[in-house]
Amino acid sequence: IKNSDSSYNKSYYRTDFVTASYYTNKK
């Protein structure tokens, strides 16, 4: 998470999950 180049959140449509956060590190 700390070294990620980018991150974004996405709504998720399941009863047990509401959002998904993605952290990417291109390196």
PDB file of all heavy atoms in Angstrom:
ATOM      1  N   ILE A   1       0.834  -1.207   0.000  1.00  0.00           N
ATOM      2  CA  ILE A   1       0.000   0.000   0.000  1.00  0.00           C
ATOM      3  C   ILE A   1       0.867   1.255   0.000  1.00  0.00           C
ATOM      4  O   ILE A   1       0.651   2.175  -0.770  1.00  0.00           O
ATOM      5  CB  ILE A   1      -0.973  -0.014   1.192  1.00  0.00           C
ATOM      6  CG1 ILE A   1      -2.006  -1.137   0.989  1.00  0.00           C
ATOM      7  CG2 ILE A   1      -1.654   1.332   1.360  1.00  0.00           C
ATOM      8  CD1 ILE A   1      -2.880  -1.401   2.200  1.00  0.00           C
ATOM      9  N   LYS A   2       1.875   1.273   0.864  1.00  0.00           N
ATOM     10  CA  LYS A   2       2.750   2.444   0.984  1.00  0.00           C
ATOM     11  C   LYS A   2       3.525   2.699  -0.305  1.00  0.00           C
ATOM     12  O   LYS A   2       3.741   3.837  -0.692  1.00  0.00           O
ATOM     13  CB  LYS A   2       3.735   2.219   2.140  1.00  0.00           C
ATOM     14  CG  LYS A   2       4.518   3.456   2.522  1.00  0.00           C
ATOM     15  CD  LYS A   2       5.511   3.166   3.627  1.00  0.00           C
ATOM     16  CE  LYS A   2       4.786   2.758   4.889  1.00  0.00           C
ATOM     17  NZ  LYS A   2       5.688   2.468   6.005  1.00  0.00           N
ATOM     18  N   ASN A   3       3.944   1.637  -0.985  1.00  0.00           N
ATOM     19  CA  ASN A   3       4.767   1.787  -2.182  1.00  0.00           C
ATOM     20  C   ASN A   3       3.969   1.717  -3.482  1.00  0.00           C
ATOM     21  O   ASN A   3       4.557   1.613  -4.555  1.00  0.00           O
ATOM     22  CB  ASN A   3       5.855   0.708  -2.201  1.00  0.00           C
ATOM     23  CG  ASN A   3       6.820   0.866  -1.051  1.00  0.00           C
ATOM     24  OD1 ASN A   3       7.221   1.975  -0.718  1.00  0.00           O
ATOM     25  ND2 ASN A   3       7.180  -0.236  -0.419  1.00  0.00           N
ATOM     26  N   SER A   4       2.652   1.790  -3.384  1.00  0.00           N
ATOM     27  CA  SER A   4       1.845   1.690  -4.602  1.00  0.00           C
ATOM     28  C   SER A   4       1.994   2.954  -5.449  1.00  0.00           C
ATOM     29  O   SER A   4       2.144   4.060  -4.950  1.00  0.00           O
ATOM     30  CB  SER A   4       0.382   1.452  -4.256  1.00  0.00           C
ATOM     31  OG  SER A   4      -0.164   2.564  -3.592  1.00  0.00           O
ATOM     32  N   ASP A   5       1.975   2.735  -6.752  1.00  0.00           N
ATOM     33  CA  ASP A   5       2.038   3.843  -7.706  1.00  0.00           C
ATOM     34  C   ASP A   5       0.675   4.497  -7.851  1.00  0.00           C
ATOM     35  O   ASP A   5       0.569   5.681  -8.126  1.00  0.00           O
ATOM     36  CB  ASP A   5       2.481   3.351  -9.084  1.00  0.00           C
ATOM     37  CG  ASP A   5       3.846   2.711  -9.053  1.00  0.00           C
ATOM     38  OD1 ASP A   5       4.761   3.289  -8.438  1.00  0.00           O
ATOM     39  OD2 ASP A   5       3.990   1.628  -9.644  1.00  0.00           O
ATOM     40  N   SER A   6      -0.353   3.695  -7.706  1.00  0.00           N
ATOM     41  CA  SER A   6      -1.708   4.220  -7.855  1.00  0.00           C
ATOM     42  C   SER A   6      -2.673   3.363  -7.044  1.00  0.00           C
ATOM     43  O   SER A   6      -2.379   2.232  -6.679  1.00  0.00           O
ATOM     44  CB  SER A   6      -2.122   4.229  -9.323  1.00  0.00           C
ATOM     45  OG  SER A   6      -2.162   2.921  -9.842  1.00  0.00           O
ATOM     46  N   SER A   7      -3.822   3.941  -6.772  1.00  0.00           N
ATOM     47  CA  SER A   7      -4.870   3.205  -6.073  1.00  0.00           C
ATOM     48  C   SER A   7      -6.214   3.756  -6.521  1.00  0.00           C
ATOM     49  O   SER A   7      -6.306   4.877  -6.994  1.00  0.00           O
ATOM     50  CB  SER A   7      -4.715   3.325  -4.558  1.00  0.00           C
ATOM     51  OG  SER A   7      -4.908   4.661  -4.159  1.00  0.00           O
ATOM     52  N   TYR A   8      -7.218   2.928  -6.379  1.00  0.00           N
ATOM     53  CA  TYR A   8      -8.575   3.367  -6.680  1.00  0.00           C
ATOM     54  C   TYR A   8      -9.570   2.494  -5.937  1.00  0.00           C
ATOM     55  O   TYR A   8      -9.239   1.382  -5.520  1.00  0.00           O
ATOM     56  CB  TYR A   8      -8.850   3.362  -8.191  1.00  0.00           C
ATOM     57  CG  TYR A   8      -8.818   1.997  -8.840  1.00  0.00           C
ATOM     58  CD1 TYR A   8      -9.979   1.250  -9.014  1.00  0.00           C
ATOM     59  CD2 TYR A   8      -7.618   1.464  -9.300  1.00  0.00           C
ATOM     60  CE1 TYR A   8      -9.955   0.004  -9.617  1.00  0.00           C
ATOM     61  CE2 TYR A   8      -7.584   0.222  -9.901  1.00  0.00           C
ATOM     62  CZ  TYR A   8      -8.746  -0.499 -10.072  1.00  0.00           C
ATOM     63  OH  TYR A   8      -8.710  -1.734 -10.667  1.00  0.00           O
ATOM     64  N   ASN A   9     -10.751   3.020  -5.742  1.00  0.00           N
ATOM     65  CA  ASN A   9     -11.836   2.301  -5.085  1.00  0.00           C
ATOM     66  C   ASN A   9     -12.916   2.023  -6.109  1.00  0.00           C
ATOM     67  O   ASN A   9     -13.119   2.803  -7.037  1.00  0.00           O
ATOM     68  CB  ASN A   9     -12.432   3.114  -3.937  1.00  0.00           C
ATOM     69  CG  ASN A   9     -11.463   3.276  -2.803  1.00  0.00           C
ATOM     70  OD1 ASN A   9     -10.688   2.381  -2.498  1.00  0.00           O
ATOM     71  ND2 ASN A   9     -11.485   4.430  -2.171  1.00  0.00           N
ATOM     72  N   LYS A  10     -13.609   0.931  -5.900  1.00  0.00           N
ATOM     73  CA  LYS A  10     -14.669   0.531  -6.801  1.00  0.00           C
ATOM     74  C   LYS A  10     -15.823  -0.004  -5.962  1.00  0.00           C
ATOM     75  O   LYS A  10     -15.600  -0.731  -5.000  1.00  0.00           O
ATOM     76  CB  LYS A  10     -14.115  -0.540  -7.733  1.00  0.00           C
ATOM     77  CG  LYS A  10     -15.083  -1.172  -8.680  1.00  0.00           C
ATOM     78  CD  LYS A  10     -14.325  -2.133  -9.580  1.00  0.00           C
ATOM     79  CE  LYS A  10     -15.125  -3.388  -9.789  1.00  0.00           C
ATOM     80  NZ  LYS A  10     -14.459  -4.357 -10.635  1.00  0.00           N
ATOM     81  N   SER A  11     -17.030   0.393  -6.303  1.00  0.00           N
ATOM     82  CA  SER A  11     -18.195  -0.162  -5.613  1.00  0.00           C
ATOM     83  C   SER A  11     -18.314  -1.628  -5.966  1.00  0.00           C
ATOM     84  O   SER A  11     -17.994  -2.046  -7.074  1.00  0.00           O
ATOM     85  CB  SER A  11     -19.470   0.564  -6.043  1.00  0.00           C
ATOM     86  OG  SER A  11     -19.425   1.901  -5.635  1.00  0.00           O
ATOM     87  N   TYR A  12     -18.769  -2.402  -5.003  1.00  0.00           N
ATOM     88  CA  TYR A  12     -18.909  -3.838  -5.199  1.00  0.00           C
ATOM     89  C   TYR A  12     -20.327  -4.202  -4.823  1.00  0.00           C
ATOM     90  O   TYR A  12     -20.864  -3.691  -3.854  1.00  0.00           O
ATOM     91  CB  TYR A  12     -17.898  -4.569  -4.304  1.00  0.00           C
ATOM     92  CG  TYR A  12     -17.314  -5.797  -4.921  1.00  0.00           C
ATOM     93  CD1 TYR A  12     -16.296  -5.697  -5.851  1.00  0.00           C
ATOM     94  CD2 TYR A  12     -17.768  -7.061  -4.576  1.00  0.00           C
ATOM     95  CE1 TYR A  12     -15.734  -6.822  -6.419  1.00  0.00           C
ATOM     96  CE2 TYR A  12     -17.215  -8.185  -5.146  1.00  0.00           C
ATOM     97  CZ  TYR A  12     -16.202  -8.059  -6.069  1.00  0.00           C
ATOM     98  OH  TYR A  12     -15.660  -9.178  -6.632  1.00  0.00           O
ATOM     99  N   TYR A  13     -20.947  -5.054  -5.535  1.00  0.00           N
ATOM    100  CA  TYR A  13     -22.364  -5.328  -5.321  1.00  0.00           C
ATOM    101  C   TYR A  13     -22.611  -6.744  -4.826  1.00  0.00           C
ATOM    102  O   TYR A  13     -23.328  -7.514  -5.422  1.00  0.00           O
ATOM    103  CB  TYR A  13     -23.140  -5.032  -6.603  1.00  0.00           C
ATOM    104  CG  TYR A  13     -22.967  -3.588  -7.000  1.00  0.00           C
ATOM    105  CD1 TYR A  13     -22.090  -3.220  -8.008  1.00  0.00           C
ATOM    106  CD2 TYR A  13     -23.636  -2.581  -6.306  1.00  0.00           C
ATOM    107  CE1 TYR A  13     -21.914  -1.888  -8.336  1.00  0.00           C
ATOM    108  CE2 TYR A  13     -23.459  -1.250  -6.621  1.00  0.00           C
ATOM    109  CZ  TYR A  13     -22.605  -0.918  -7.640  1.00  0.00           C
ATOM    110  OH  TYR A  13     -22.422   0.398  -7.954  1.00  0.00           O
ATOM    111  N   ARG A  14     -22.010  -7.087  -3.720  1.00  0.00           N
ATOM    112  CA  ARG A  14     -22.276  -8.336  -3.018  1.00  0.00           C
ATOM    113  C   ARG A  14     -22.718  -7.970  -1.617  1.00  0.00           C
ATOM    114  O   ARG A  14     -22.382  -6.909  -1.119  1.00  0.00           O
ATOM    115  CB  ARG A  14     -21.011  -9.198  -2.940  1.00  0.00           C
ATOM    116  CG  ARG A  14     -20.705  -9.933  -4.216  1.00  0.00           C
ATOM    117  CD  ARG A  14     -19.462 -10.771  -4.134  1.00  0.00           C
ATOM    118  NE  ARG A  14     -19.366 -11.580  -2.931  1.00  0.00           N
ATOM    119  CZ  ARG A  14     -18.366 -12.417  -2.701  1.00  0.00           C
ATOM    120  NH1 ARG A  14     -17.403 -12.560  -3.568  1.00  0.00           N
ATOM    121  NH2 ARG A  14     -18.315 -13.114  -1.590  1.00  0.00           N
ATOM    122  N   THR A  15     -23.442  -8.861  -0.982  1.00  0.00           N
ATOM    123  CA  THR A  15     -23.928  -8.548   0.358  1.00  0.00           C
ATOM    124  C   THR A  15     -22.804  -8.487   1.387  1.00  0.00           C
ATOM    125  O   THR A  15     -22.907  -7.763   2.366  1.00  0.00           O
ATOM    126  CB  THR A  15     -24.978  -9.575   0.805  1.00  0.00           C
ATOM    127  OG1 THR A  15     -24.408 -10.892   0.751  1.00  0.00           O
ATOM    128  CG2 THR A  15     -26.199  -9.510  -0.078  1.00  0.00           C
ATOM    129  N   ASP A  16     -21.718  -9.247   1.178  1.00  0.00           N
ATOM    130  CA  ASP A  16     -20.633  -9.255   2.157  1.00  0.00           C
ATOM    131  C   ASP A  16     -19.541  -8.218   1.865  1.00  0.00           C
ATOM    132  O   ASP A  16     -18.740  -7.906   2.730  1.00  0.00           O
ATOM    133  CB  ASP A  16     -20.031 -10.642   2.300  1.00  0.00           C
ATOM    134  CG  ASP A  16     -19.681 -11.300   0.980  1.00  0.00           C
ATOM    135  OD1 ASP A  16     -20.114 -10.798  -0.081  1.00  0.00           O
ATOM    136  OD2 ASP A  16     -18.984 -12.324   0.998  1.00  0.00           O
ATOM    137  N   PHE A  17     -19.484  -7.679   0.656  1.00  0.00           N
ATOM    138  CA  PHE A  17     -18.510  -6.655   0.301  1.00  0.00           C
ATOM    139  C   PHE A  17     -19.246  -5.463  -0.288  1.00  0.00           C
ATOM    140  O   PHE A  17     -20.175  -5.614  -1.066  1.00  0.00           O
ATOM    141  CB  PHE A  17     -17.521  -7.142  -0.766  1.00  0.00           C
ATOM    142  CG  PHE A  17     -16.811  -8.411  -0.428  1.00  0.00           C
ATOM    143  CD1 PHE A  17     -16.735  -9.430  -1.354  1.00  0.00           C
ATOM    144  CD2 PHE A  17     -16.216  -8.597   0.796  1.00  0.00           C
ATOM    145  CE1 PHE A  17     -16.071 -10.606  -1.059  1.00  0.00           C
ATOM    146  CE2 PHE A  17     -15.555  -9.771   1.105  1.00  0.00           C
ATOM    147  CZ  PHE A  17     -15.486 -10.779   0.176  1.00  0.00           C
ATOM    148  N   VAL A  18     -18.802  -4.273   0.069  1.00  0.00           N
ATOM    149  CA  VAL A  18     -19.416  -3.063  -0.469  1.00  0.00           C
ATOM    150  C   VAL A  18     -18.447  -2.324  -1.377  1.00  0.00           C
ATOM    151  O   VAL A  18     -18.813  -1.815  -2.418  1.00  0.00           O
ATOM    152  CB  VAL A  18     -19.909  -2.143   0.665  1.00  0.00           C
ATOM    153  CG1 VAL A  18     -20.443  -0.836   0.124  1.00  0.00           C
ATOM    154  CG2 VAL A  18     -20.976  -2.852   1.476  1.00  0.00           C
ATOM    155  N   THR A  19     -17.173  -2.287  -0.975  1.00  0.00           N
ATOM    156  CA  THR A  19     -16.166  -1.617  -1.800  1.00  0.00           C
ATOM    157  C   THR A  19     -14.940  -2.501  -1.966  1.00  0.00           C
ATOM    158  O   THR A  19     -14.647  -3.359  -1.131  1.00  0.00           O
ATOM    159  CB  THR A  19     -15.697  -0.280  -1.183  1.00  0.00           C
ATOM    160  OG1 THR A  19     -15.098  -0.546   0.084  1.00  0.00           O
ATOM    161  CG2 THR A  19     -16.829   0.703  -1.035  1.00  0.00           C
ATOM    162  N   ALA A  20     -14.241  -2.234  -3.032  1.00  0.00           N
ATOM    163  CA  ALA A  20     -12.955  -2.883  -3.277  1.00  0.00           C
ATOM    164  C   ALA A  20     -11.940  -1.767  -3.497  1.00  0.00           C
ATOM    165  O   ALA A  20     -12.184  -0.851  -4.273  1.00  0.00           O
ATOM    166  CB  ALA A  20     -13.026  -3.778  -4.504  1.00  0.00           C
ATOM    167  N   SER A  21     -10.840  -1.835  -2.773  1.00  0.00           N
ATOM    168  CA  SER A  21      -9.747  -0.882  -2.958  1.00  0.00           C
ATOM    169  C   SER A  21      -8.592  -1.624  -3.610  1.00  0.00           C
ATOM    170  O   SER A  21      -8.235  -2.724  -3.178  1.00  0.00           O
ATOM    171  CB  SER A  21      -9.292  -0.313  -1.621  1.00  0.00           C
ATOM    172  OG  SER A  21     -10.344   0.377  -0.991  1.00  0.00           O
ATOM    173  N   TYR A  22      -8.028  -1.040  -4.633  1.00  0.00           N
ATOM    174  CA  TYR A  22      -6.929  -1.653  -5.376  1.00  0.00           C
ATOM    175  C   TYR A  22      -5.695  -0.782  -5.244  1.00  0.00           C
ATOM    176  O   TYR A  22      -5.757   0.438  -5.425  1.00  0.00           O
ATOM    177  CB  TYR A  22      -7.292  -1.794  -6.854  1.00  0.00           C
ATOM    178  CG  TYR A  22      -8.467  -2.704  -7.099  1.00  0.00           C
ATOM    179  CD1 TYR A  22      -9.763  -2.217  -7.034  1.00  0.00           C
ATOM    180  CD2 TYR A  22      -8.280  -4.044  -7.388  1.00  0.00           C
ATOM    181  CE1 TYR A  22     -10.851  -3.048  -7.257  1.00  0.00           C
ATOM    182  CE2 TYR A  22      -9.364  -4.885  -7.616  1.00  0.00           C
ATOM    183  CZ  TYR A  22     -10.648  -4.377  -7.551  1.00  0.00           C
ATOM    184  OH  TYR A  22     -11.717  -5.191  -7.764  1.00  0.00           O
ATOM    185  N   TYR A  23      -4.569  -1.410  -4.957  1.00  0.00           N
ATOM    186  CA  TYR A  23      -3.286  -0.722  -4.840  1.00  0.00           C
ATOM    187  C   TYR A  23      -2.322  -1.398  -5.801  1.00  0.00           C
ATOM    188  O   TYR A  23      -2.102  -2.603  -5.708  1.00  0.00           O
ATOM    189  CB  TYR A  23      -2.748  -0.801  -3.409  1.00  0.00           C
ATOM    190  CG  TYR A  23      -3.674  -0.177  -2.411  1.00  0.00           C
ATOM    191  CD1 TYR A  23      -4.664  -0.930  -1.789  1.00  0.00           C
ATOM    192  CD2 TYR A  23      -3.579   1.178  -2.102  1.00  0.00           C
ATOM    193  CE1 TYR A  23      -5.539  -0.347  -0.877  1.00  0.00           C
ATOM    194  CE2 TYR A  23      -4.440   1.764  -1.193  1.00  0.00           C
ATOM    195  CZ  TYR A  23      -5.417   0.994  -0.585  1.00  0.00           C
ATOM    196  OH  TYR A  23      -6.276   1.574   0.312  1.00  0.00           O
ATOM    197  N   THR A  24      -1.758  -0.649  -6.726  1.00  0.00           N
ATOM    198  CA  THR A  24      -0.858  -1.231  -7.708  1.00  0.00           C
ATOM    199  C   THR A  24       0.546  -0.666  -7.549  1.00  0.00           C
ATOM    200  O   THR A  24       0.734   0.494  -7.174  1.00  0.00           O
ATOM    201  CB  THR A  24      -1.343  -0.962  -9.150  1.00  0.00           C
ATOM    202  OG1 THR A  24      -1.423   0.446  -9.349  1.00  0.00           O
ATOM    203  CG2 THR A  24      -2.701  -1.572  -9.395  1.00  0.00           C
ATOM    204  N   ASN A  25       1.519  -1.506  -7.834  1.00  0.00           N
ATOM    205  CA  ASN A  25       2.922  -1.117  -7.830  1.00  0.00           C
ATOM    206  C   ASN A  25       3.510  -1.607  -9.149  1.00  0.00           C
ATOM    207  O   ASN A  25       3.705  -2.802  -9.339  1.00  0.00           O
ATOM    208  CB  ASN A  25       3.645  -1.737  -6.640  1.00  0.00           C
ATOM    209  CG  ASN A  25       5.084  -1.266  -6.543  1.00  0.00           C
ATOM    210  OD1 ASN A  25       5.740  -1.042  -7.554  1.00  0.00           O
ATOM    211  ND2 ASN A  25       5.578  -1.149  -5.323  1.00  0.00           N
ATOM    212  N   LYS A  26       3.756  -0.691 -10.053  1.00  0.00           N
ATOM    213  CA  LYS A  26       4.255  -1.051 -11.379  1.00  0.00           C
ATOM    214  C   LYS A  26       5.666  -1.630 -11.325  1.00  0.00           C
ATOM    215  O   LYS A  26       6.020  -2.477 -12.136  1.00  0.00           O
ATOM    216  CB  LYS A  26       4.206   0.159 -12.309  1.00  0.00           C
ATOM    217  CG  LYS A  26       2.798   0.586 -12.621  1.00  0.00           C
ATOM    218  CD  LYS A  26       2.773   1.828 -13.477  1.00  0.00           C
ATOM    219  CE  LYS A  26       1.338   2.305 -13.639  1.00  0.00           C
ATOM    220  NZ  LYS A  26       1.272   3.598 -14.293  1.00  0.00           N
ATOM    221  N   LYS A  27       6.457  -1.180 -10.357  1.00  0.00           N
ATOM    222  CA  LYS A  27       7.855  -1.627 -10.275  1.00  0.00           C
ATOM    223  C   LYS A  27       7.963  -3.137 -10.097  1.00  0.00           C
ATOM    224  O   LYS A  27       8.746  -3.794 -10.753  1.00  0.00           O
ATOM    225  CB  LYS A  27       8.564  -0.908  -9.122  1.00  0.00           C
ATOM    226  CG  LYS A  27      10.021  -1.245  -9.007  1.00  0.00           C
ATOM    227  CD  LYS A  27      10.680  -0.464  -7.893  1.00  0.00           C
ATOM    228  CE  LYS A  27      12.143  -0.840  -7.764  1.00  0.00           C
ATOM    229  NZ  LYS A  27      12.791  -0.119  -6.676  1.00  0.00           N
TER     230      LYS A  27
END
